[in-house]
Amino acid sequence: MVREAQVKDAAEASAQLARRMAQVGNFPKLTQMREQVFYAETAAQLARARQAATAERERLTRLMGLYGDDLEFKLPERLPDLPAAAPAMHDIEATAIVQRYDVQAAKRATESLAESLGLTKATRFINVLEAGPARTKEDPEPWKRGFEISLQIPLFDWGDARVAKAEAIYMQSVNRVAEIAINARSEVREFYAGYRVAYDTARHYRDEIVPLRKKISEETLLRYNGMLLSVFELLADAREQVVSVNASIEAQRDFWLAENALHGALNGTPRSGGAEGGAGPGRGMARNSASAGH
């Protein structure tokens, strides 16, 4: 929100200066109108950003069930810093199979179905999935280490045709377990990929883009002080620097949302991570700033 206000202030200063210079005939009318429309657009975007912040705060209030004096709660001024490195998460598919509530619920539902059908004599077990540490050997190749995930479901002695219907019902439930487990593995792979991309993007902004933008701004100020650049170029650079910092903050936010989404997928409650969400107020300003260069 502070950054959006800074963009708006820079645009306002530029628009006022352009209007005064145009009034005395020292500034092209077309350029002055461009400065004015950019200011008008940033003012509208700031209003939308403030409304979005109010809406998100109220949503958080509802989620926490707060009212009365509790509505004065304070939020941190900034997001947590990025981890020094993206935390390694090994065997995420195996973890999902073990701890996802939907997979375990489907397995238990199959076991309960077997009891209700009177199936008690298990003849063998089948793995509806496979993936956890395993060792294989193909001569003359050396031993190889892979992954194997085991989700075992019992099969029964069906006897005669009188239990054919029970067999069909039970196998339908077994196939349902396999479907849920396959989807669970796919979801955690998807969310883990998004998590890694979000981390790499946020780190790239932190380590590359923002420091470089700061150096550009310092060089621009030196050139302005040496009367090599106009005040409008200085203001335009200030807007661009704020936009870069905004994008960095959004990338940092997207990382924490992606981490939360990944943990949700590991537990069986996958949700959108935010990195792929629609453009927020900051992204809108980034587009307009890029198109308003002079």
C-alpha atoms as a PDB file:
ATOM      1  CA  MET A   1       0.000   0.000   0.000  1.00  0.00           C
ATOM      2  CA  VAL A   2       2.839   2.416   0.848  1.00  0.00           C
ATOM      3  CA  ARG A   3       4.505   1.720  -2.493  1.00  0.00           C
ATOM      4  CA  GLU A   4       1.283   2.391  -4.414  1.00  0.00           C
ATOM      5  CA  ALA A   5       0.979   5.712  -2.583  1.00  0.00           C
ATOM      6  CA  GLN A   6       4.561   6.587  -3.559  1.00  0.00           C
ATOM      7  CA  VAL A   7       3.825   5.889  -7.217  1.00  0.00           C
ATOM      8  CA  LYS A   8       0.745   8.088  -6.970  1.00  0.00           C
ATOM      9  CA  ASP A   9       2.740  10.920  -5.310  1.00  0.00           C
ATOM     10  CA  ALA A  10       5.445  10.766  -7.990  1.00  0.00           C
ATOM     11  CA  ALA A  11       2.816  10.811 -10.737  1.00  0.00           C
ATOM     12  CA  GLU A  12       1.049  13.740  -9.088  1.00  0.00           C
ATOM     13  CA  ALA A  13       4.270  15.749  -8.833  1.00  0.00           C
ATOM     14  CA  SER A  14       5.089  15.035 -12.457  1.00  0.00           C
ATOM     15  CA  ALA A  15       1.577  15.979 -13.619  1.00  0.00           C
ATOM     16  CA  GLN A  16       1.595  19.264 -11.661  1.00  0.00           C
ATOM     17  CA  LEU A  17       4.991  20.263 -13.005  1.00  0.00           C
ATOM     18  CA  ALA A  18       3.962  19.393 -16.552  1.00  0.00           C
ATOM     19  CA  ARG A  19       0.765  21.434 -16.226  1.00  0.00           C
ATOM     20  CA  ARG A  20       2.617  24.506 -14.979  1.00  0.00           C
ATOM     21  CA  MET A  21       5.226  24.277 -17.694  1.00  0.00           C
ATOM     22  CA  ALA A  22       2.524  23.821 -20.334  1.00  0.00           C
ATOM     23  CA  GLN A  23       0.716  26.913 -19.060  1.00  0.00           C
ATOM     24  CA  VAL A  24       3.763  29.088 -19.790  1.00  0.00           C
ATOM     25  CA  GLY A  25       4.368  27.407 -23.140  1.00  0.00           C
ATOM     26  CA  ASN A  26       7.481  25.450 -22.166  1.00  0.00           C
ATOM     27  CA  PHE A  27       6.034  21.954 -22.503  1.00  0.00           C
ATOM     28  CA  PRO A  28       4.306  20.051 -25.333  1.00  0.00           C
ATOM     29  CA  LYS A  29       0.573  19.722 -24.759  1.00  0.00           C
ATOM     30  CA  LEU A  30       0.535  16.026 -25.738  1.00  0.00           C
ATOM     31  CA  THR A  31       3.267  15.135 -23.225  1.00  0.00           C
ATOM     32  CA  GLN A  32       1.474  17.130 -20.533  1.00  0.00           C
ATOM     33  CA  MET A  33      -1.739  15.181 -21.164  1.00  0.00           C
ATOM     34  CA  ARG A  34       0.160  11.896 -20.925  1.00  0.00           C
ATOM     35  CA  GLU A  35       1.510  12.908 -17.521  1.00  0.00           C
ATOM     36  CA  GLN A  36      -1.983  13.912 -16.418  1.00  0.00           C
ATOM     37  CA  VAL A  37      -3.627  10.660 -17.508  1.00  0.00           C
ATOM     38  CA  PHE A  38      -0.906   8.620 -15.837  1.00  0.00           C
ATOM     39  CA  TYR A  39      -1.580  10.454 -12.583  1.00  0.00           C
ATOM     40  CA  ALA A  40      -5.333   9.884 -12.945  1.00  0.00           C
ATOM     41  CA  GLU A  41      -4.809   6.167 -13.547  1.00  0.00           C
ATOM     42  CA  THR A  42      -2.471   5.733 -10.573  1.00  0.00           C
ATOM     43  CA  ALA A  43      -4.950   7.564  -8.318  1.00  0.00           C
ATOM     44  CA  ALA A  44      -7.659   5.104  -9.378  1.00  0.00           C
ATOM     45  CA  GLN A  45      -5.336   2.142  -8.838  1.00  0.00           C
ATOM     46  CA  LEU A  46      -4.444   3.384  -5.348  1.00  0.00           C
ATOM     47  CA  ALA A  47      -8.151   3.557  -4.494  1.00  0.00           C
ATOM     48  CA  ARG A  48      -8.609  -0.026  -5.704  1.00  0.00           C
ATOM     49  CA  ALA A  49      -5.580  -1.166  -3.717  1.00  0.00           C
ATOM     50  CA  ARG A  50      -6.978   0.395  -0.541  1.00  0.00           C
ATOM     51  CA  GLN A  51     -10.342  -1.264  -1.113  1.00  0.00           C
ATOM     52  CA  ALA A  52      -8.629  -4.619  -1.728  1.00  0.00           C
ATOM     53  CA  ALA A  53      -6.704  -4.228   1.532  1.00  0.00           C
ATOM     54  CA  THR A  54      -9.933  -3.476   3.406  1.00  0.00           C
ATOM     55  CA  ALA A  55     -11.666  -6.482   1.853  1.00  0.00           C
ATOM     56  CA  GLU A  56      -8.784  -8.822   2.736  1.00  0.00           C
ATOM     57  CA  ARG A  57      -8.687  -7.554   6.309  1.00  0.00           C
ATOM     58  CA  GLU A  58     -12.414  -8.144   6.693  1.00  0.00           C
ATOM     59  CA  ARG A  59     -12.039 -11.629   5.235  1.00  0.00           C
ATOM     60  CA  LEU A  60      -9.334 -12.368   7.797  1.00  0.00           C
ATOM     61  CA  THR A  61     -11.614 -10.981  10.519  1.00  0.00           C
ATOM     62  CA  ARG A  62     -14.372 -13.390   9.503  1.00  0.00           C
ATOM     63  CA  LEU A  63     -11.980 -16.330   9.372  1.00  0.00           C
ATOM     64  CA  MET A  64     -10.791 -15.590  12.922  1.00  0.00           C
ATOM     65  CA  GLY A  65     -14.321 -14.848  14.182  1.00  0.00           C
ATOM     66  CA  LEU A  66     -13.379 -11.459  15.635  1.00  0.00           C
ATOM     67  CA  TYR A  67     -15.660  -8.596  16.647  1.00  0.00           C
ATOM     68  CA  GLY A  68     -15.781  -5.609  18.973  1.00  0.00           C
ATOM     69  CA  ASP A  69     -12.452  -4.507  20.442  1.00  0.00           C
ATOM     70  CA  ASP A  70     -10.698  -7.453  18.774  1.00  0.00           C
ATOM     71  CA  LEU A  71     -11.130  -5.710  15.417  1.00  0.00           C
ATOM     72  CA  GLU A  72      -8.171  -3.485  16.318  1.00  0.00           C
ATOM     73  CA  PHE A  73      -5.704  -6.328  15.784  1.00  0.00           C
ATOM     74  CA  LYS A  74      -2.344  -5.429  14.277  1.00  0.00           C
ATOM     75  CA  LEU A  75      -0.708  -7.170  11.348  1.00  0.00           C
ATOM     76  CA  PRO A  76       3.063  -7.343  10.737  1.00  0.00           C
ATOM     77  CA  GLU A  77       4.446  -4.438   8.756  1.00  0.00           C
ATOM     78  CA  ARG A  78       6.300  -6.739   6.375  1.00  0.00           C
ATOM     79  CA  LEU A  79       6.439 -10.304   5.158  1.00  0.00           C
ATOM     80  CA  PRO A  80       8.926 -12.762   6.655  1.00  0.00           C
ATOM     81  CA  ASP A  81      12.268 -12.917   4.877  1.00  0.00           C
ATOM     82  CA  LEU A  82      12.806 -15.628   2.323  1.00  0.00           C
ATOM     83  CA  PRO A  83      14.634 -18.723   3.569  1.00  0.00           C
ATOM     84  CA  ALA A  84      18.337 -18.761   2.719  1.00  0.00           C
ATOM     85  CA  ALA A  85      17.530 -21.735   0.487  1.00  0.00           C
ATOM     86  CA  ALA A  86      14.326 -23.453  -0.525  1.00  0.00           C
ATOM     87  CA  PRO A  87      13.736 -26.145   2.118  1.00  0.00           C
ATOM     88  CA  ALA A  88      14.244 -29.570   0.582  1.00  0.00           C
ATOM     89  CA  MET A  89      11.194 -31.787   0.638  1.00  0.00           C
ATOM     90  CA  HIS A  90      12.081 -35.387  -0.115  1.00  0.00           C
ATOM     91  CA  ASP A  91       9.635 -38.100  -1.115  1.00  0.00           C
ATOM     92  CA  ILE A  92       6.671 -35.719  -1.256  1.00  0.00           C
ATOM     93  CA  GLU A  93       4.550 -38.311  -3.081  1.00  0.00           C
ATOM     94  CA  ALA A  94       5.164 -40.898  -0.380  1.00  0.00           C
ATOM     95  CA  THR A  95       4.401 -38.275   2.283  1.00  0.00           C
ATOM     96  CA  ALA A  96       1.114 -37.430   0.594  1.00  0.00           C
ATOM     97  CA  ILE A  97       0.062 -41.084   0.431  1.00  0.00           C
ATOM     98  CA  VAL A  98       0.793 -41.525   4.143  1.00  0.00           C
ATOM     99  CA  GLN A  99      -0.747 -38.345   5.552  1.00  0.00           C
ATOM    100  CA  ARG A 100      -3.403 -37.100   3.140  1.00  0.00           C
ATOM    101  CA  TYR A 101      -6.767 -37.473   4.780  1.00  0.00           C
ATOM    102  CA  ASP A 102      -8.586 -38.209   1.508  1.00  0.00           C
ATOM    103  CA  VAL A 103      -6.282 -41.125   0.677  1.00  0.00           C
ATOM    104  CA  GLN A 104      -6.510 -42.582   4.161  1.00  0.00           C
ATOM    105  CA  ALA A 105     -10.269 -42.020   4.289  1.00  0.00           C
ATOM    106  CA  ALA A 106     -10.710 -43.851   0.974  1.00  0.00           C
ATOM    107  CA  LYS A 107      -8.595 -46.748   2.257  1.00  0.00           C
ATOM    108  CA  ARG A 108     -10.602 -46.998   5.461  1.00  0.00           C
ATOM    109  CA  ALA A 109     -13.856 -46.763   3.551  1.00  0.00           C
ATOM    110  CA  THR A 110     -12.736 -49.760   1.492  1.00  0.00           C
ATOM    111  CA  GLU A 111     -11.901 -51.693   4.648  1.00  0.00           C
ATOM    112  CA  SER A 112     -15.321 -50.856   6.130  1.00  0.00           C
ATOM    113  CA  LEU A 113     -16.995 -51.914   2.905  1.00  0.00           C
ATOM    114  CA  ALA A 114     -15.252 -55.283   3.098  1.00  0.00           C
ATOM    115  CA  GLU A 115     -16.595 -55.783   6.609  1.00  0.00           C
ATOM    116  CA  SER A 116     -20.124 -54.808   5.605  1.00  0.00           C
ATOM    117  CA  LEU A 117     -20.005 -57.269   2.717  1.00  0.00           C
ATOM    118  CA  GLY A 118     -18.899 -60.009   5.076  1.00  0.00           C
ATOM    119  CA  LEU A 119     -15.475 -60.372   3.466  1.00  0.00           C
ATOM    120  CA  THR A 120     -13.107 -61.621   6.144  1.00  0.00           C
ATOM    121  CA  LYS A 121     -10.759 -64.119   4.497  1.00  0.00           C
ATOM    122  CA  ALA A 122      -8.051 -62.126   2.697  1.00  0.00           C
ATOM    123  CA  THR A 123      -6.102 -64.260   0.237  1.00  0.00           C
ATOM    124  CA  ARG A 124      -3.523 -61.695  -0.832  1.00  0.00           C
ATOM    125  CA  PHE A 125      -2.760 -57.951  -0.929  1.00  0.00           C
ATOM    126  CA  ILE A 126      -2.343 -55.659  -3.899  1.00  0.00           C
ATOM    127  CA  ASN A 127      -0.543 -52.335  -4.127  1.00  0.00           C
ATOM    128  CA  VAL A 128      -2.813 -49.810  -5.805  1.00  0.00           C
ATOM    129  CA  LEU A 129       0.280 -47.606  -6.168  1.00  0.00           C
ATOM    130  CA  GLU A 130       3.987 -48.047  -5.964  1.00  0.00           C
ATOM    131  CA  ALA A 131       6.649 -45.441  -5.163  1.00  0.00           C
ATOM    132  CA  GLY A 132       9.289 -45.437  -1.695  1.00  0.00           C
ATOM    133  CA  PRO A 133      12.933 -46.417  -1.614  1.00  0.00           C
ATOM    134  CA  ALA A 134      13.540 -49.633  -3.513  1.00  0.00           C
ATOM    135  CA  ARG A 135      16.484 -51.394  -5.078  1.00  0.00           C
ATOM    136  CA  THR A 136      16.538 -52.926  -8.512  1.00  0.00           C
ATOM    137  CA  LYS A 137      19.185 -54.741 -10.482  1.00  0.00           C
ATOM    138  CA  GLU A 138      19.457 -55.325 -14.188  1.00  0.00           C
ATOM    139  CA  ASP A 139      22.503 -57.401 -15.166  1.00  0.00           C
ATOM    140  CA  PRO A 140      25.158 -56.341 -15.927  1.00  0.00           C
ATOM    141  CA  GLU A 141      24.139 -52.955 -14.504  1.00  0.00           C
ATOM    142  CA  PRO A 142      24.916 -52.187 -10.827  1.00  0.00           C
ATOM    143  CA  TRP A 143      22.179 -51.922  -8.210  1.00  0.00           C
ATOM    144  CA  LYS A 144      20.004 -48.845  -8.687  1.00  0.00           C
ATOM    145  CA  ARG A 145      18.023 -46.981  -6.052  1.00  0.00           C
ATOM    146  CA  GLY A 146      14.555 -45.804  -6.960  1.00  0.00           C
ATOM    147  CA  PHE A 147      11.268 -45.048  -5.274  1.00  0.00           C
ATOM    148  CA  GLU A 148       8.351 -47.180  -4.324  1.00  0.00           C
ATOM    149  CA  ILE A 149       5.106 -46.046  -2.682  1.00  0.00           C
ATOM    150  CA  SER A 150       3.014 -48.840  -1.259  1.00  0.00           C
ATOM    151  CA  LEU A 151      -0.717 -48.538  -0.605  1.00  0.00           C
ATOM    152  CA  GLN A 152      -1.891 -52.072   0.120  1.00  0.00           C
ATOM    153  CA  ILE A 153      -5.477 -53.242  -0.191  1.00  0.00           C
ATOM    154  CA  PRO A 154      -6.509 -56.838   0.593  1.00  0.00           C
ATOM    155  CA  LEU A 155      -8.171 -59.171  -1.903  1.00  0.00           C
ATOM    156  CA  PHE A 156     -10.477 -61.929  -0.750  1.00  0.00           C
ATOM    157  CA  ASP A 157     -11.517 -65.472  -1.561  1.00  0.00           C
ATOM    158  CA  TRP A 158     -14.721 -64.785  -3.437  1.00  0.00           C
ATOM    159  CA  GLY A 159     -15.992 -68.349  -3.471  1.00  0.00           C
ATOM    160  CA  ASP A 160     -18.893 -69.023  -5.811  1.00  0.00           C
ATOM    161  CA  ALA A 161     -21.072 -66.788  -7.937  1.00  0.00           C
ATOM    162  CA  ARG A 162     -23.204 -65.752  -4.998  1.00  0.00           C
ATOM    163  CA  VAL A 163     -20.616 -63.146  -4.040  1.00  0.00           C
ATOM    164  CA  ALA A 164     -19.974 -61.868  -7.549  1.00  0.00           C
ATOM    165  CA  LYS A 165     -21.895 -58.696  -6.781  1.00  0.00           C
ATOM    166  CA  ALA A 166     -19.889 -58.170  -3.596  1.00  0.00           C
ATOM    167  CA  GLU A 167     -16.677 -58.607  -5.582  1.00  0.00           C
ATOM    168  CA  ALA A 168     -17.770 -55.989  -8.118  1.00  0.00           C
ATOM    169  CA  ILE A 169     -18.707 -53.521  -5.389  1.00  0.00           C
ATOM    170  CA  TYR A 170     -15.464 -54.074  -3.527  1.00  0.00           C
ATOM    171  CA  MET A 171     -13.250 -53.779  -6.599  1.00  0.00           C
ATOM    172  CA  GLN A 172     -15.021 -50.559  -7.524  1.00  0.00           C
ATOM    173  CA  SER A 173     -13.990 -49.196  -4.133  1.00  0.00           C
ATOM    174  CA  VAL A 174     -10.410 -50.429  -4.672  1.00  0.00           C
ATOM    175  CA  ASN A 175     -10.260 -48.599  -7.988  1.00  0.00           C
ATOM    176  CA  ARG A 176     -11.555 -45.487  -6.254  1.00  0.00           C
ATOM    177  CA  VAL A 177      -8.661 -45.679  -3.766  1.00  0.00           C
ATOM    178  CA  ALA A 178      -6.227 -45.951  -6.675  1.00  0.00           C
ATOM    179  CA  GLU A 179      -7.796 -42.921  -8.383  1.00  0.00           C
ATOM    180  CA  ILE A 180      -7.570 -40.762  -5.255  1.00  0.00           C
ATOM    181  CA  ALA A 181      -3.970 -41.809  -4.625  1.00  0.00           C
ATOM    182  CA  ILE A 182      -2.940 -41.086  -8.226  1.00  0.00           C
ATOM    183  CA  ASN A 183      -4.554 -37.657  -8.051  1.00  0.00           C
ATOM    184  CA  ALA A 184      -2.859 -36.975  -4.711  1.00  0.00           C
ATOM    185  CA  ARG A 185       0.564 -37.717  -6.175  1.00  0.00           C
ATOM    186  CA  SER A 186      -0.149 -35.497  -9.168  1.00  0.00           C
ATOM    187  CA  GLU A 187      -1.322 -32.622  -6.971  1.00  0.00           C
ATOM    188  CA  VAL A 188       1.745 -32.617  -4.732  1.00  0.00           C
ATOM    189  CA  ARG A 189       4.027 -32.718  -7.782  1.00  0.00           C
ATOM    190  CA  GLU A 190       2.168 -29.738  -9.250  1.00  0.00           C
ATOM    191  CA  PHE A 191       2.221 -27.702  -6.045  1.00  0.00           C
ATOM    192  CA  TYR A 192       5.865 -28.526  -5.361  1.00  0.00           C
ATOM    193  CA  ALA A 193       6.796 -27.290  -8.845  1.00  0.00           C
ATOM    194  CA  GLY A 194       4.906 -24.052  -8.176  1.00  0.00           C
ATOM    195  CA  TYR A 195       6.609 -23.727  -4.798  1.00  0.00           C
ATOM    196  CA  ARG A 196      10.086 -24.003  -6.320  1.00  0.00           C
ATOM    197  CA  VAL A 197       9.304 -21.542  -9.120  1.00  0.00           C
ATOM    198  CA  ALA A 198       7.864 -19.060  -6.608  1.00  0.00           C
ATOM    199  CA  TYR A 199      11.003 -19.302  -4.472  1.00  0.00           C
ATOM    200  CA  ASP A 200      13.358 -18.869  -7.429  1.00  0.00           C
ATOM    201  CA  THR A 201      11.350 -15.885  -8.685  1.00  0.00           C
ATOM    202  CA  ALA A 202      11.298 -14.151  -5.297  1.00  0.00           C
ATOM    203  CA  ARG A 203      15.015 -14.743  -4.825  1.00  0.00           C
ATOM    204  CA  HIS A 204      15.721 -13.383  -8.324  1.00  0.00           C
ATOM    205  CA  TYR A 205      13.892 -10.161  -7.482  1.00  0.00           C
ATOM    206  CA  ARG A 206      15.649  -9.896  -4.116  1.00  0.00           C
ATOM    207  CA  ASP A 207      19.176 -10.622  -5.355  1.00  0.00           C
ATOM    208  CA  GLU A 208      19.159  -9.277  -8.911  1.00  0.00           C
ATOM    209  CA  ILE A 209      16.352  -6.959  -9.967  1.00  0.00           C
ATOM    210  CA  VAL A 210      15.883  -4.754  -6.880  1.00  0.00           C
ATOM    211  CA  PRO A 211      19.647  -4.145  -6.293  1.00  0.00           C
ATOM    212  CA  LEU A 212      20.142  -3.357  -9.983  1.00  0.00           C
ATOM    213  CA  ARG A 213      17.157  -1.005  -9.980  1.00  0.00           C
ATOM    214  CA  LYS A 214      18.640   0.771  -6.949  1.00  0.00           C
ATOM    215  CA  LYS A 215      21.943   1.269  -8.766  1.00  0.00           C
ATOM    216  CA  ILE A 216      20.099   2.646 -11.803  1.00  0.00           C
ATOM    217  CA  SER A 217      18.240   5.079  -9.565  1.00  0.00           C
ATOM    218  CA  GLU A 218      21.477   6.256  -7.954  1.00  0.00           C
ATOM    219  CA  GLU A 219      23.055   6.800 -11.369  1.00  0.00           C
ATOM    220  CA  THR A 220      19.969   8.654 -12.580  1.00  0.00           C
ATOM    221  CA  LEU A 221      20.135  10.983  -9.577  1.00  0.00           C
ATOM    222  CA  LEU A 222      23.807  11.701 -10.278  1.00  0.00           C
ATOM    223  CA  ARG A 223      23.010  12.581 -13.892  1.00  0.00           C
ATOM    224  CA  TYR A 224      20.111  14.785 -12.777  1.00  0.00           C
ATOM    225  CA  ASN A 225      22.385  16.618 -10.335  1.00  0.00           C
ATOM    226  CA  GLY A 226      24.827  17.115 -13.217  1.00  0.00           C
ATOM    227  CA  MET A 227      21.969  18.626 -15.292  1.00  0.00           C
ATOM    228  CA  LEU A 228      22.188  15.782 -17.783  1.00  0.00           C
ATOM    229  CA  LEU A 229      18.587  14.616 -17.202  1.00  0.00           C
ATOM    230  CA  SER A 230      15.287  16.415 -16.796  1.00  0.00           C
ATOM    231  CA  VAL A 231      13.152  16.317 -13.672  1.00  0.00           C
ATOM    232  CA  PHE A 232      10.594  14.237 -15.577  1.00  0.00           C
ATOM    233  CA  GLU A 233      13.185  11.557 -16.243  1.00  0.00           C
ATOM    234  CA  LEU A 234      14.065  11.572 -12.539  1.00  0.00           C
ATOM    235  CA  LEU A 235      10.402  11.179 -11.566  1.00  0.00           C
ATOM    236  CA  ALA A 236       9.899   8.439 -14.148  1.00  0.00           C
ATOM    237  CA  ASP A 237      12.855   6.532 -12.703  1.00  0.00           C
ATOM    238  CA  ALA A 238      11.418   6.895  -9.189  1.00  0.00           C
ATOM    239  CA  ARG A 239       8.153   5.382 -10.407  1.00  0.00           C
ATOM    240  CA  GLU A 240       9.970   2.494 -12.046  1.00  0.00           C
ATOM    241  CA  GLN A 241      11.983   1.771  -8.915  1.00  0.00           C
ATOM    242  CA  VAL A 242       8.819   1.629  -6.808  1.00  0.00           C
ATOM    243  CA  VAL A 243       7.203  -0.702  -9.330  1.00  0.00           C
ATOM    244  CA  SER A 244      10.202  -3.062  -9.134  1.00  0.00           C
ATOM    245  CA  VAL A 245      10.046  -3.112  -5.337  1.00  0.00           C
ATOM    246  CA  ASN A 246       6.299  -3.768  -5.560  1.00  0.00           C
ATOM    247  CA  ALA A 247       6.913  -6.712  -7.861  1.00  0.00           C
ATOM    248  CA  SER A 248       9.543  -8.046  -5.453  1.00  0.00           C
ATOM    249  CA  ILE A 249       7.095  -7.860  -2.540  1.00  0.00           C
ATOM    250  CA  GLU A 250       4.454  -9.654  -4.596  1.00  0.00           C
ATOM    251  CA  ALA A 251       6.936 -12.374  -5.534  1.00  0.00           C
ATOM    252  CA  GLN A 252       7.790 -12.796  -1.852  1.00  0.00           C
ATOM    253  CA  ARG A 253       4.086 -13.017  -1.028  1.00  0.00           C
ATOM    254  CA  ASP A 254       3.561 -15.576  -3.780  1.00  0.00           C
ATOM    255  CA  PHE A 255       6.304 -17.765  -2.301  1.00  0.00           C
ATOM    256  CA  TRP A 256       4.628 -17.920   1.117  1.00  0.00           C
ATOM    257  CA  LEU A 257       1.267 -18.605  -0.519  1.00  0.00           C
ATOM    258  CA  ALA A 258       2.848 -21.363  -2.602  1.00  0.00           C
ATOM    259  CA  GLU A 259       4.422 -22.899   0.513  1.00  0.00           C
ATOM    260  CA  ASN A 260       1.053 -22.846   2.258  1.00  0.00           C
ATOM    261  CA  ALA A 261      -0.606 -24.426  -0.774  1.00  0.00           C
ATOM    262  CA  LEU A 262       2.028 -27.175  -0.881  1.00  0.00           C
ATOM    263  CA  HIS A 263       1.466 -28.059   2.761  1.00  0.00           C
ATOM    264  CA  GLY A 264      -2.251 -28.103   2.044  1.00  0.00           C
ATOM    265  CA  ALA A 265      -1.709 -30.521  -0.830  1.00  0.00           C
ATOM    266  CA  LEU A 266       0.404 -32.766   1.394  1.00  0.00           C
ATOM    267  CA  ASN A 267      -2.433 -32.888   3.919  1.00  0.00           C
ATOM    268  CA  GLY A 268      -5.275 -33.270   1.429  1.00  0.00           C
ATOM    269  CA  THR A 269      -6.531 -29.688   1.185  1.00  0.00           C
ATOM    270  CA  PRO A 270      -4.932 -28.331  -2.004  1.00  0.00           C
ATOM    271  CA  ARG A 271      -5.667 -24.729  -2.792  1.00  0.00           C
ATOM    272  CA  SER A 272      -4.485 -22.114  -5.248  1.00  0.00           C
ATOM    273  CA  GLY A 273      -1.047 -20.788  -4.266  1.00  0.00           C
ATOM    274  CA  GLY A 274      -1.512 -17.246  -5.522  1.00  0.00           C
ATOM    275  CA  ALA A 275       1.430 -17.243  -7.841  1.00  0.00           C
ATOM    276  CA  GLU A 276      -0.891 -17.907 -10.716  1.00  0.00           C
ATOM    277  CA  GLY A 277      -3.615 -15.581  -9.540  1.00  0.00           C
ATOM    278  CA  GLY A 278      -4.868 -12.518 -11.349  1.00  0.00           C
ATOM    279  CA  ALA A 279      -2.895  -9.301 -11.418  1.00  0.00           C
ATOM    280  CA  GLY A 280      -3.286  -7.295  -8.263  1.00  0.00           C
ATOM    281  CA  PRO A 281      -3.107  -3.503  -7.937  1.00  0.00           C
ATOM    282  CA  GLY A 282       0.698  -3.578  -7.930  1.00  0.00           C
ATOM    283  CA  ARG A 283       0.793  -5.542 -11.179  1.00  0.00           C
ATOM    284  CA  GLY A 284      -1.586  -3.067 -12.776  1.00  0.00           C
ATOM    285  CA  MET A 285       0.714  -0.222 -11.821  1.00  0.00           C
ATOM    286  CA  ALA A 286       3.666  -2.119 -13.223  1.00  0.00           C
ATOM    287  CA  ARG A 287       1.966  -2.401 -16.609  1.00  0.00           C
ATOM    288  CA  ASN A 288       0.901   1.229 -16.680  1.00  0.00           C
ATOM    289  CA  SER A 289       4.301   2.446 -15.538  1.00  0.00           C
ATOM    290  CA  ALA A 290       5.992   0.446 -18.238  1.00  0.00           C
ATOM    291  CA  SER A 291       3.713   1.935 -20.867  1.00  0.00           C
ATOM    292  CA  ALA A 292       4.084   5.470 -19.555  1.00  0.00           C
ATOM    293  CA  GLY A 293       7.829   5.854 -20.056  1.00  0.00           C
ATOM    294  CA  HIS A 294       9.036   9.071 -21.619  1.00  0.00           C
END
